[in-house]
Amino acid sequence: MFTRFKQPVGVACGLLFACGSAMAGGHDHSHHSGHHAHSEIDPAPFGVMGAHMHPKGGWMFSYRFMTMDMEGNRIGEDGVSPEYIVANVPNRFFGAPMQPPNLRIVPTDMTMDMHMFGAMYAPTDDFTLMIMGSYLKKSMDHITFNPMGTARIGGFTTRTSGFGDTKVTGLYRLYEQGMHHLHLNAGLSISTGSTDERDTILTPMGATPKVRLPYPMQLGSGTEDILAGLTYTATIDRLQLGAQYQGTFRTGEDNGYTLGDVQQVTTWAAYKWKHWLSTSARLVYKDQDKIDGIDPQIVGPVQTANPDFQGGETTDFLLGVNIAGSGALKGHELGVEYSIPIERDLNGPQLETDQVFSVGWRYGF
């Protein structure tokens, strides 16, 4: 298990030091990573946001589609059944009207589809601007149990869809010489996603009210979030090695709560087999804090309504393929990535991610 990253400045400085120890000072703009991007494949995995910069005047437009499947529940590192949850996990809201002592509604699976639209522009060789918006569709299946015991009375599905938050980021070159490249990722996530989504549920008493849905089914954070990171790449002939740190730090609160901070480290190796074809493998470690505060309208005997049952630590392994066009399709690239979990330690009970598949297109000129 990785050590939790509770000092983001220290992590960033550590990555900068590790990269800098292999280099001598100074810029060498004759080797800008973006200068070949439109004639040869960019080997960086499609799922790594802000992995490369562009030369002055360069543009890039992109579209990515990601689908995520979650099935089964986990407490810490252990899988648990719905019956175990309702028999053993207390209901945070017990004592309020119509609230039983234990959880009575258990999510069993969830799917999320995300469409991401991005644009990048480089006003100078050392600075690239990036903006990204998203449209999400979420669906979560549940089992409802009797007020007491482990008898099931039925099931229901909640759904939400709409635009998510918008991210505006600047990439600033810190170092480039020879095989080494290092840049800063810094920006802001703007709260454009809804946090007031509602749908119909089935209660343990058989009622079907329409309520504000729990936190995982909402579309945005509700807050303006600071984005901070570092990206390092080393290119050795056809091989690219890379590492990126990304942090999302919440500011303020919405509806009485603040989502947990997120810190993520990814490392990858990519190999360019042809000028138009590359493959990649990478590891992603993610640490997400619990929710701070509580939305007074999100109440119920279900784990997703409890702010303490959010976040945790995960490690995933991903494989990817990038393909570049030529001739009339010069500048166009397609990429796919497939992710499977290696290790999960969740603040549960909580649904666990089984797989993530993404496909993307980008066009640079």
Foldseek 3Di string as FASTA:
>chain_A
DDDDPPDVVVVQVVVVVVQPVVDDDDADLVPAPQPCVLPFPDFPAPPDPPQHAHAAFKKKKKKKKKKFKFFFWDAFFDTDDPQCQQVPAAFPPPPPPPAAGGFFKEWGMKMKMKMKIKMKHHNHRFKIKMKMKMKMKMKIKMWGHASDHRHTDDIDMDIDIGIEWMWIWMWGWDYDDAQKTKIKIWTKTHGPWDQFDWDWGQHNVGDTDIFREFDVRTRYQQFIWIKIKMKMWGDDPFKIKIKMKIKIGGDDHDLFKGWWIKIKMKIKMKGDPDSFKIKMKMKMKMWTQFMGTARPRQHHSYWRRDSQQDTFIWMKMKIKMKGADDDVRRQKMKMKMKIATDGTGGSDRDTDIGIMIMIMMMGMD
